[in-house]
Amino acid sequence: MPAQNSDVTLTIRGIDASVKAKLKQRAARHGRSMEGEVRHILADAVRPVNVGVEFHQLGAVFGGLDDLAEVMEDAVTDRRGNAP
């Protein structure tokens, strides 16, 4: 994904070595350079979220929104300590 304003530079200092190693592994899994992976992560972090699309995709993972609603209801009940 080419930057629209390619003269912008961001320097991040003090990254823990383990974070750098995990970032390097993640970049390799995605076929990107570490710099490209960081650009992807940052772009994804600030993209607008469409809640409807997110719920639709999540519903597909759970086999439908009915199943998701049941899972959420159980989680709320458990959180409340089974109180009505």
PDB file of N, CA and C in Angstrom:
ATOM      1  N   MET A   1       0.852  -1.172   0.000  1.00  0.00           N
ATOM      2  CA  MET A   1       0.000   0.000   0.000  1.00  0.00           C
ATOM      3  C   MET A   1       0.900   1.238   0.000  1.00  0.00           C
ATOM      4  N   PRO A   2       1.038   1.955  -1.117  1.00  0.00           N
ATOM      5  CA  PRO A   2       1.890   3.135  -1.175  1.00  0.00           C
ATOM      6  C   PRO A   2       1.301   4.281  -0.355  1.00  0.00           C
ATOM      7  N   ALA A   3       2.175   5.000   0.308  1.00  0.00           N
ATOM      8  CA  ALA A   3       1.738   6.146   1.107  1.00  0.00           C
ATOM      9  C   ALA A   3       1.382   7.298   0.190  1.00  0.00           C
ATOM     10  N   GLN A   4       0.358   8.055   0.573  1.00  0.00           N
ATOM     11  CA  GLN A   4      -0.024   9.211  -0.220  1.00  0.00           C
ATOM     12  C   GLN A   4       0.991  10.337  -0.037  1.00  0.00           C
ATOM     13  N   ASN A   5       1.538  10.443   1.155  1.00  0.00           N
ATOM     14  CA  ASN A   5       2.511  11.480   1.449  1.00  0.00           C
ATOM     15  C   ASN A   5       3.792  10.781   1.881  1.00  0.00           C
ATOM     16  N   SER A   6       4.602  10.357   0.912  1.00  0.00           N
ATOM     17  CA  SER A   6       5.736   9.492   1.187  1.00  0.00           C
ATOM     18  C   SER A   6       6.889  10.187   1.897  1.00  0.00           C
ATOM     19  N   ASP A   7       6.820  11.491   2.110  1.00  0.00           N
ATOM     20  CA  ASP A   7       7.917  12.159   2.799  1.00  0.00           C
ATOM     21  C   ASP A   7       7.723  12.182   4.316  1.00  0.00           C
ATOM     22  N   VAL A   8       6.691  11.530   4.828  1.00  0.00           N
ATOM     23  CA  VAL A   8       6.438  11.457   6.263  1.00  0.00           C
ATOM     24  C   VAL A   8       7.239  10.292   6.836  1.00  0.00           C
ATOM     25  N   THR A   9       7.967  10.562   7.918  1.00  0.00           N
ATOM     26  CA  THR A   9       8.761   9.537   8.581  1.00  0.00           C
ATOM     27  C   THR A   9       8.384   9.492  10.045  1.00  0.00           C
ATOM     28  N   LEU A  10       8.267   8.289  10.570  1.00  0.00           N
ATOM     29  CA  LEU A  10       7.953   8.076  11.970  1.00  0.00           C
ATOM     30  C   LEU A  10       9.066   7.227  12.566  1.00  0.00           C
ATOM     31  N   THR A  11       9.686   7.722  13.614  1.00  0.00           N
ATOM     32  CA  THR A  11      10.746   6.980  14.280  1.00  0.00           C
ATOM     33  C   THR A  11      10.249   6.556  15.648  1.00  0.00           C
ATOM     34  N   ILE A  12      10.415   5.281  15.941  1.00  0.00           N
ATOM     35  CA  ILE A  12       9.998   4.754  17.240  1.00  0.00           C
ATOM     36  C   ILE A  12      11.239   4.205  17.930  1.00  0.00           C
ATOM     37  N   ARG A  13      11.554   4.779  19.065  1.00  0.00           N
ATOM     38  CA  ARG A  13      12.732   4.347  19.824  1.00  0.00           C
ATOM     39  C   ARG A  13      12.313   3.505  21.011  1.00  0.00           C
ATOM     40  N   GLY A  14      13.238   2.705  21.504  1.00  0.00           N
ATOM     41  CA  GLY A  14      13.008   1.966  22.734  1.00  0.00           C
ATOM     42  C   GLY A  14      12.124   0.747  22.580  1.00  0.00           C
ATOM     43  N   ILE A  15      12.086   0.147  21.392  1.00  0.00           N
ATOM     44  CA  ILE A  15      11.298  -1.062  21.181  1.00  0.00           C
ATOM     45  C   ILE A  15      12.032  -2.239  21.832  1.00  0.00           C
ATOM     46  N   ASP A  16      11.321  -2.997  22.648  1.00  0.00           N
ATOM     47  CA  ASP A  16      11.891  -4.173  23.300  1.00  0.00           C
ATOM     48  C   ASP A  16      12.326  -5.178  22.234  1.00  0.00           C
ATOM     49  N   ALA A  17      13.429  -5.855  22.474  1.00  0.00           N
ATOM     50  CA  ALA A  17      13.961  -6.816  21.507  1.00  0.00           C
ATOM     51  C   ALA A  17      12.961  -7.924  21.196  1.00  0.00           C
ATOM     52  N   SER A  18      12.185  -8.346  22.189  1.00  0.00           N
ATOM     53  CA  SER A  18      11.201  -9.406  21.936  1.00  0.00           C
ATOM     54  C   SER A  18      10.075  -8.908  21.032  1.00  0.00           C
ATOM     55  N   VAL A  19       9.712  -7.648  21.162  1.00  0.00           N
ATOM     56  CA  VAL A  19       8.683  -7.066  20.290  1.00  0.00           C
ATOM     57  C   VAL A  19       9.204  -7.017  18.861  1.00  0.00           C
ATOM     58  N   LYS A  20      10.452  -6.613  18.715  1.00  0.00           N
ATOM     59  CA  LYS A  20      11.062  -6.546  17.382  1.00  0.00           C
ATOM     60  C   LYS A  20      11.118  -7.938  16.753  1.00  0.00           C
ATOM     61  N   ALA A  21      11.482  -8.942  17.531  1.00  0.00           N
ATOM     62  CA  ALA A  21      11.572 -10.307  17.007  1.00  0.00           C
ATOM     63  C   ALA A  21      10.197 -10.808  16.564  1.00  0.00           C
ATOM     64  N   LYS A  22       9.165 -10.537  17.380  1.00  0.00           N
ATOM     65  CA  LYS A  22       7.807 -10.979  17.023  1.00  0.00           C
ATOM     66  C   LYS A  22       7.300 -10.232  15.798  1.00  0.00           C
ATOM     67  N   LEU A  23       7.640  -8.966  15.693  1.00  0.00           N
ATOM     68  CA  LEU A  23       7.249  -8.178  14.528  1.00  0.00           C
ATOM     69  C   LEU A  23       7.915  -8.732  13.272  1.00  0.00           C
ATOM     70  N   LYS A  24       9.178  -9.118  13.397  1.00  0.00           N
ATOM     71  CA  LYS A  24       9.900  -9.680  12.260  1.00  0.00           C
ATOM     72  C   LYS A  24       9.255 -10.996  11.816  1.00  0.00           C
ATOM     73  N   GLN A  25       8.859 -11.844  12.772  1.00  0.00           N
ATOM     74  CA  GLN A  25       8.187 -13.104  12.451  1.00  0.00           C
ATOM     75  C   GLN A  25       6.833 -12.849  11.783  1.00  0.00           C
ATOM     76  N   ARG A  26       6.094 -11.892  12.336  1.00  0.00           N
ATOM     77  CA  ARG A  26       4.780 -11.569  11.777  1.00  0.00           C
ATOM     78  C   ARG A  26       4.922 -11.056  10.344  1.00  0.00           C
ATOM     79  N   ALA A  27       5.912 -10.190  10.120  1.00  0.00           N
ATOM     80  CA  ALA A  27       6.154  -9.655   8.778  1.00  0.00           C
ATOM     81  C   ALA A  27       6.480 -10.783   7.804  1.00  0.00           C
ATOM     82  N   ALA A  28       7.300 -11.723   8.232  1.00  0.00           N
ATOM     83  CA  ALA A  28       7.668 -12.850   7.363  1.00  0.00           C
ATOM     84  C   ALA A  28       6.441 -13.696   7.021  1.00  0.00           C
ATOM     85  N   ARG A  29       5.566 -13.929   8.004  1.00  0.00           N
ATOM     86  CA  ARG A  29       4.348 -14.712   7.749  1.00  0.00           C
ATOM     87  C   ARG A  29       3.469 -14.049   6.697  1.00  0.00           C
ATOM     88  N   HIS A  30       3.475 -12.715   6.690  1.00  0.00           N
ATOM     89  CA  HIS A  30       2.630 -11.972   5.754  1.00  0.00           C
ATOM     90  C   HIS A  30       3.361 -11.570   4.475  1.00  0.00           C
ATOM     91  N   GLY A  31       4.614 -11.975   4.357  1.00  0.00           N
ATOM     92  CA  GLY A  31       5.373 -11.666   3.146  1.00  0.00           C
ATOM     93  C   GLY A  31       5.709 -10.192   3.001  1.00  0.00           C
ATOM     94  N   ARG A  32       5.919  -9.527   4.124  1.00  0.00           N
ATOM     95  CA  ARG A  32       6.233  -8.089   4.110  1.00  0.00           C
ATOM     96  C   ARG A  32       7.547  -7.837   4.839  1.00  0.00           C
ATOM     97  N   SER A  33       8.117  -6.681   4.581  1.00  0.00           N
ATOM     98  CA  SER A  33       9.259  -6.234   5.371  1.00  0.00           C
ATOM     99  C   SER A  33       8.738  -5.812   6.743  1.00  0.00           C
ATOM    100  N   MET A  34       9.636  -5.645   7.704  1.00  0.00           N
ATOM    101  CA  MET A  34       9.191  -5.166   9.016  1.00  0.00           C
ATOM    102  C   MET A  34       8.562  -3.793   8.890  1.00  0.00           C
ATOM    103  N   GLU A  35       9.148  -2.950   8.079  1.00  0.00           N
ATOM    104  CA  GLU A  35       8.597  -1.606   7.879  1.00  0.00           C
ATOM    105  C   GLU A  35       7.206  -1.680   7.252  1.00  0.00           C
ATOM    106  N   GLY A  36       7.047  -2.557   6.271  1.00  0.00           N
ATOM    107  CA  GLY A  36       5.749  -2.739   5.638  1.00  0.00           C
ATOM    108  C   GLY A  36       4.718  -3.281   6.616  1.00  0.00           C
ATOM    109  N   GLU A  37       5.155  -4.184   7.486  1.00  0.00           N
ATOM    110  CA  GLU A  37       4.243  -4.738   8.490  1.00  0.00           C
ATOM    111  C   GLU A  37       3.783  -3.657   9.462  1.00  0.00           C
ATOM    112  N   VAL A  38       4.707  -2.809   9.885  1.00  0.00           N
ATOM    113  CA  VAL A  38       4.345  -1.711  10.798  1.00  0.00           C
ATOM    114  C   VAL A  38       3.370  -0.766  10.111  1.00  0.00           C
ATOM    115  N   ARG A  39       3.613  -0.450   8.836  1.00  0.00           N
ATOM    116  CA  ARG A  39       2.664   0.412   8.108  1.00  0.00           C
ATOM    117  C   ARG A  39       1.288  -0.226   8.064  1.00  0.00           C
ATOM    118  N   HIS A  40       1.242  -1.542   7.808  1.00  0.00           N
ATOM    119  CA  HIS A  40      -0.042  -2.254   7.759  1.00  0.00           C
ATOM    120  C   HIS A  40      -0.742  -2.210   9.121  1.00  0.00           C
ATOM    121  N   ILE A  41      -0.009  -2.479  10.185  1.00  0.00           N
ATOM    122  CA  ILE A  41      -0.580  -2.474  11.537  1.00  0.00           C
ATOM    123  C   ILE A  41      -1.136  -1.098  11.875  1.00  0.00           C
ATOM    124  N   LEU A  42      -0.373  -0.051  11.581  1.00  0.00           N
ATOM    125  CA  LEU A  42      -0.831   1.310  11.897  1.00  0.00           C
ATOM    126  C   LEU A  42      -2.054   1.695  11.075  1.00  0.00           C
ATOM    127  N   ALA A  43      -2.055   1.359   9.793  1.00  0.00           N
ATOM    128  CA  ALA A  43      -3.210   1.679   8.946  1.00  0.00           C
ATOM    129  C   ALA A  43      -4.451   0.942   9.435  1.00  0.00           C
ATOM    130  N   ASP A  44      -4.290  -0.324   9.827  1.00  0.00           N
ATOM    131  CA  ASP A  44      -5.414  -1.110  10.326  1.00  0.00           C
ATOM    132  C   ASP A  44      -5.929  -0.555  11.653  1.00  0.00           C
ATOM    133  N   ALA A  45      -5.014  -0.069  12.484  1.00  0.00           N
ATOM    134  CA  ALA A  45      -5.399   0.443  13.806  1.00  0.00           C
ATOM    135  C   ALA A  45      -6.252   1.706  13.725  1.00  0.00           C
ATOM    136  N   VAL A  46      -6.102   2.473  12.669  1.00  0.00           N
ATOM    137  CA  VAL A  46      -6.845   3.734  12.580  1.00  0.00           C
ATOM    138  C   VAL A  46      -7.977   3.710  11.559  1.00  0.00           C
ATOM    139  N   ARG A  47      -8.196   2.532  10.931  1.00  0.00           N
ATOM    140  CA  ARG A  47      -9.283   2.479   9.944  1.00  0.00           C
ATOM    141  C   ARG A  47     -10.624   2.560  10.660  1.00  0.00           C
ATOM    142  N   PRO A  48     -11.604   3.184  10.015  1.00  0.00           N
ATOM    143  CA  PRO A  48     -12.940   3.235  10.609  1.00  0.00           C
ATOM    144  C   PRO A  48     -13.529   1.829  10.711  1.00  0.00           C
ATOM    145  N   VAL A  49     -14.296   1.595  11.746  1.00  0.00           N
ATOM    146  CA  VAL A  49     -14.916   0.297  11.954  1.00  0.00           C
ATOM    147  C   VAL A  49     -16.384   0.374  11.573  1.00  0.00           C
ATOM    148  N   ASN A  50     -16.814  -0.553  10.735  1.00  0.00           N
ATOM    149  CA  ASN A  50     -18.219  -0.672  10.371  1.00  0.00           C
ATOM    150  C   ASN A  50     -18.780  -1.789  11.234  1.00  0.00           C
ATOM    151  N   VAL A  51     -19.520  -1.437  12.275  1.00  0.00           N
ATOM    152  CA  VAL A  51     -20.001  -2.405  13.249  1.00  0.00           C
ATOM    153  C   VAL A  51     -20.862  -3.484  12.590  1.00  0.00           C
ATOM    154  N   GLY A  52     -21.670  -3.117  11.632  1.00  0.00           N
ATOM    155  CA  GLY A  52     -22.512  -4.096  10.953  1.00  0.00           C
ATOM    156  C   GLY A  52     -21.682  -5.151  10.242  1.00  0.00           C
ATOM    157  N   VAL A  53     -20.661  -4.715   9.545  1.00  0.00           N
ATOM    158  CA  VAL A  53     -19.783  -5.662   8.839  1.00  0.00           C
ATOM    159  C   VAL A  53     -19.045  -6.535   9.845  1.00  0.00           C
ATOM    160  N   GLU A  54     -18.563  -5.932  10.926  1.00  0.00           N
ATOM    161  CA  GLU A  54     -17.846  -6.692  11.957  1.00  0.00           C
ATOM    162  C   GLU A  54     -18.749  -7.776  12.562  1.00  0.00           C
ATOM    163  N   PHE A  55     -19.999  -7.429  12.884  1.00  0.00           N
ATOM    164  CA  PHE A  55     -20.927  -8.413  13.436  1.00  0.00           C
ATOM    165  C   PHE A  55     -21.225  -9.520  12.425  1.00  0.00           C
ATOM    166  N   HIS A  56     -21.380  -9.140  11.158  1.00  0.00           N
ATOM    167  CA  HIS A  56     -21.632 -10.139  10.117  1.00  0.00           C
ATOM    168  C   HIS A  56     -20.476 -11.128  10.033  1.00  0.00           C
ATOM    169  N   GLN A  57     -19.240 -10.613  10.036  1.00  0.00           N
ATOM    170  CA  GLN A  57     -18.066 -11.487   9.960  1.00  0.00           C
ATOM    171  C   GLN A  57     -17.943 -12.345  11.214  1.00  0.00           C
ATOM    172  N   LEU A  58     -18.216 -11.774  12.362  1.00  0.00           N
ATOM    173  CA  LEU A  58     -18.155 -12.518  13.605  1.00  0.00           C
ATOM    174  C   LEU A  58     -19.235 -13.598  13.625  1.00  0.00           C
ATOM    175  N   GLY A  59     -20.417 -13.266  13.121  1.00  0.00           N
ATOM    176  CA  GLY A  59     -21.498 -14.235  13.046  1.00  0.00           C
ATOM    177  C   GLY A  59     -21.124 -15.418  12.171  1.00  0.00           C
ATOM    178  N   ALA A  60     -20.401 -15.156  11.096  1.00  0.00           N
ATOM    179  CA  ALA A  60     -19.965 -16.241  10.212  1.00  0.00           C
ATOM    180  C   ALA A  60     -19.031 -17.201  10.944  1.00  0.00           C
ATOM    181  N   VAL A  61     -18.201 -16.674  11.810  1.00  0.00           N
ATOM    182  CA  VAL A  61     -17.276 -17.510  12.586  1.00  0.00           C
ATOM    183  C   VAL A  61     -18.042 -18.411  13.539  1.00  0.00           C
ATOM    184  N   PHE A  62     -19.116 -17.879  14.136  1.00  0.00           N
ATOM    185  CA  PHE A  62     -19.896 -18.635  15.117  1.00  0.00           C
ATOM    186  C   PHE A  62     -21.034 -19.433  14.491  1.00  0.00           C
ATOM    187  N   GLY A  63     -21.153 -19.407  13.185  1.00  0.00           N
ATOM    188  CA  GLY A  63     -22.202 -20.173  12.532  1.00  0.00           C
ATOM    189  C   GLY A  63     -23.532 -19.454  12.483  1.00  0.00           C
ATOM    190  N   GLY A  64     -23.523 -18.162  12.658  1.00  0.00           N
ATOM    191  CA  GLY A  64     -24.750 -17.374  12.595  1.00  0.00           C
ATOM    192  C   GLY A  64     -24.893 -16.485  13.804  1.00  0.00           C
ATOM    193  N   LEU A  65     -25.664 -15.448  13.668  1.00  0.00           N
ATOM    194  CA  LEU A  65     -25.822 -14.494  14.762  1.00  0.00           C
ATOM    195  C   LEU A  65     -26.648 -15.055  15.905  1.00  0.00           C
ATOM    196  N   ASP A  66     -27.523 -16.039  15.641  1.00  0.00           N
ATOM    197  CA  ASP A  66     -28.284 -16.653  16.732  1.00  0.00           C
ATOM    198  C   ASP A  66     -27.345 -17.321  17.716  1.00  0.00           C
ATOM    199  N   ASP A  67     -26.359 -18.049  17.189  1.00  0.00           N
ATOM    200  CA  ASP A  67     -25.372 -18.685  18.059  1.00  0.00           C
ATOM    201  C   ASP A  67     -24.556 -17.639  18.809  1.00  0.00           C
ATOM    202  N   LEU A  68     -24.212 -16.562  18.129  1.00  0.00           N
ATOM    203  CA  LEU A  68     -23.442 -15.498  18.767  1.00  0.00           C
ATOM    204  C   LEU A  68     -24.246 -14.868  19.892  1.00  0.00           C
ATOM    205  N   ALA A  69     -25.532 -14.644  19.669  1.00  0.00           N
ATOM    206  CA  ALA A  69     -26.383 -14.057  20.707  1.00  0.00           C
ATOM    207  C   ALA A  69     -26.432 -14.957  21.926  1.00  0.00           C
ATOM    208  N   GLU A  70     -26.501 -16.257  21.713  1.00  0.00           N
ATOM    209  CA  GLU A  70     -26.525 -17.203  22.831  1.00  0.00           C
ATOM    210  C   GLU A  70     -25.207 -17.168  23.608  1.00  0.00           C
ATOM    211  N   VAL A  71     -24.117 -17.112  22.904  1.00  0.00           N
ATOM    212  CA  VAL A  71     -22.801 -17.037  23.547  1.00  0.00           C
ATOM    213  C   VAL A  71     -22.694 -15.756  24.372  1.00  0.00           C
ATOM    214  N   MET A  72     -23.163 -14.651  23.806  1.00  0.00           N
ATOM    215  CA  MET A  72     -23.094 -13.367  24.517  1.00  0.00           C
ATOM    216  C   MET A  72     -24.003 -13.384  25.751  1.00  0.00           C
ATOM    217  N   GLU A  73     -25.186 -13.967  25.614  1.00  0.00           N
ATOM    218  CA  GLU A  73     -26.113 -14.051  26.746  1.00  0.00           C
ATOM    219  C   GLU A  73     -25.506 -14.881  27.873  1.00  0.00           C
ATOM    220  N   ASP A  74     -24.885 -15.984  27.523  1.00  0.00           N
ATOM    221  CA  ASP A  74     -24.221 -16.818  28.526  1.00  0.00           C
ATOM    222  C   ASP A  74     -23.094 -16.055  29.215  1.00  0.00           C
ATOM    223  N   ALA A  75     -22.340 -15.286  28.449  1.00  0.00           N
ATOM    224  CA  ALA A  75     -21.238 -14.518  29.022  1.00  0.00           C
ATOM    225  C   ALA A  75     -21.751 -13.459  29.991  1.00  0.00           C
ATOM    226  N   VAL A  76     -22.850 -12.784  29.632  1.00  0.00           N
ATOM    227  CA  VAL A  76     -23.433 -11.772  30.510  1.00  0.00           C
ATOM    228  C   VAL A  76     -23.968 -12.423  31.779  1.00  0.00           C
ATOM    229  N   THR A  77     -24.646 -13.557  31.632  1.00  0.00           N
ATOM    230  CA  THR A  77     -25.176 -14.277  32.792  1.00  0.00           C
ATOM    231  C   THR A  77     -24.043 -14.689  33.722  1.00  0.00           C
ATOM    232  N   ASP A  78     -22.979 -15.228  33.153  1.00  0.00           N
ATOM    233  CA  ASP A  78     -21.826 -15.641  33.967  1.00  0.00           C
ATOM    234  C   ASP A  78     -21.195 -14.440  34.682  1.00  0.00           C
ATOM    235  N   ARG A  79     -21.108 -13.346  33.980  1.00  0.00           N
ATOM    236  CA  ARG A  79     -20.498 -12.144  34.547  1.00  0.00           C
ATOM    237  C   ARG A  79     -21.311 -11.609  35.715  1.00  0.00           C
ATOM    238  N   ARG A  80     -22.630 -11.726  35.612  1.00  0.00           N
ATOM    239  CA  ARG A  80     -23.514 -11.237  36.670  1.00  0.00           C
ATOM    240  C   ARG A  80     -23.624 -12.234  37.823  1.00  0.00           C
ATOM    241  N   GLY A  81     -22.970 -13.373  37.703  1.00  0.00           N
ATOM    242  CA  GLY A  81     -23.046 -14.382  38.745  1.00  0.00           C
ATOM    243  C   GLY A  81     -24.377 -15.102  38.731  1.00  0.00           C
ATOM    244  N   ASN A  82     -24.936 -15.287  37.525  1.00  0.00           N
ATOM    245  CA  ASN A  82     -26.210 -15.989  37.329  1.00  0.00           C
ATOM    246  C   ASN A  82     -27.400 -15.275  37.972  1.00  0.00           C
ATOM    247  N   ALA A  83     -27.228 -14.017  38.315  1.00  0.00           N
ATOM    248  CA  ALA A  83     -28.354 -13.247  38.866  1.00  0.00           C
ATOM    249  C   ALA A  83     -29.200 -12.749  37.725  1.00  0.00           C
ATOM    250  N   PRO A  84     -30.527 -12.701  37.914  1.00  0.00           N
ATOM    251  CA  PRO A  84     -31.411 -12.216  36.833  1.00  0.00           C
ATOM    252  C   PRO A  84     -31.184 -10.738  36.538  1.00  0.00           C
TER     253      PRO A  84
END
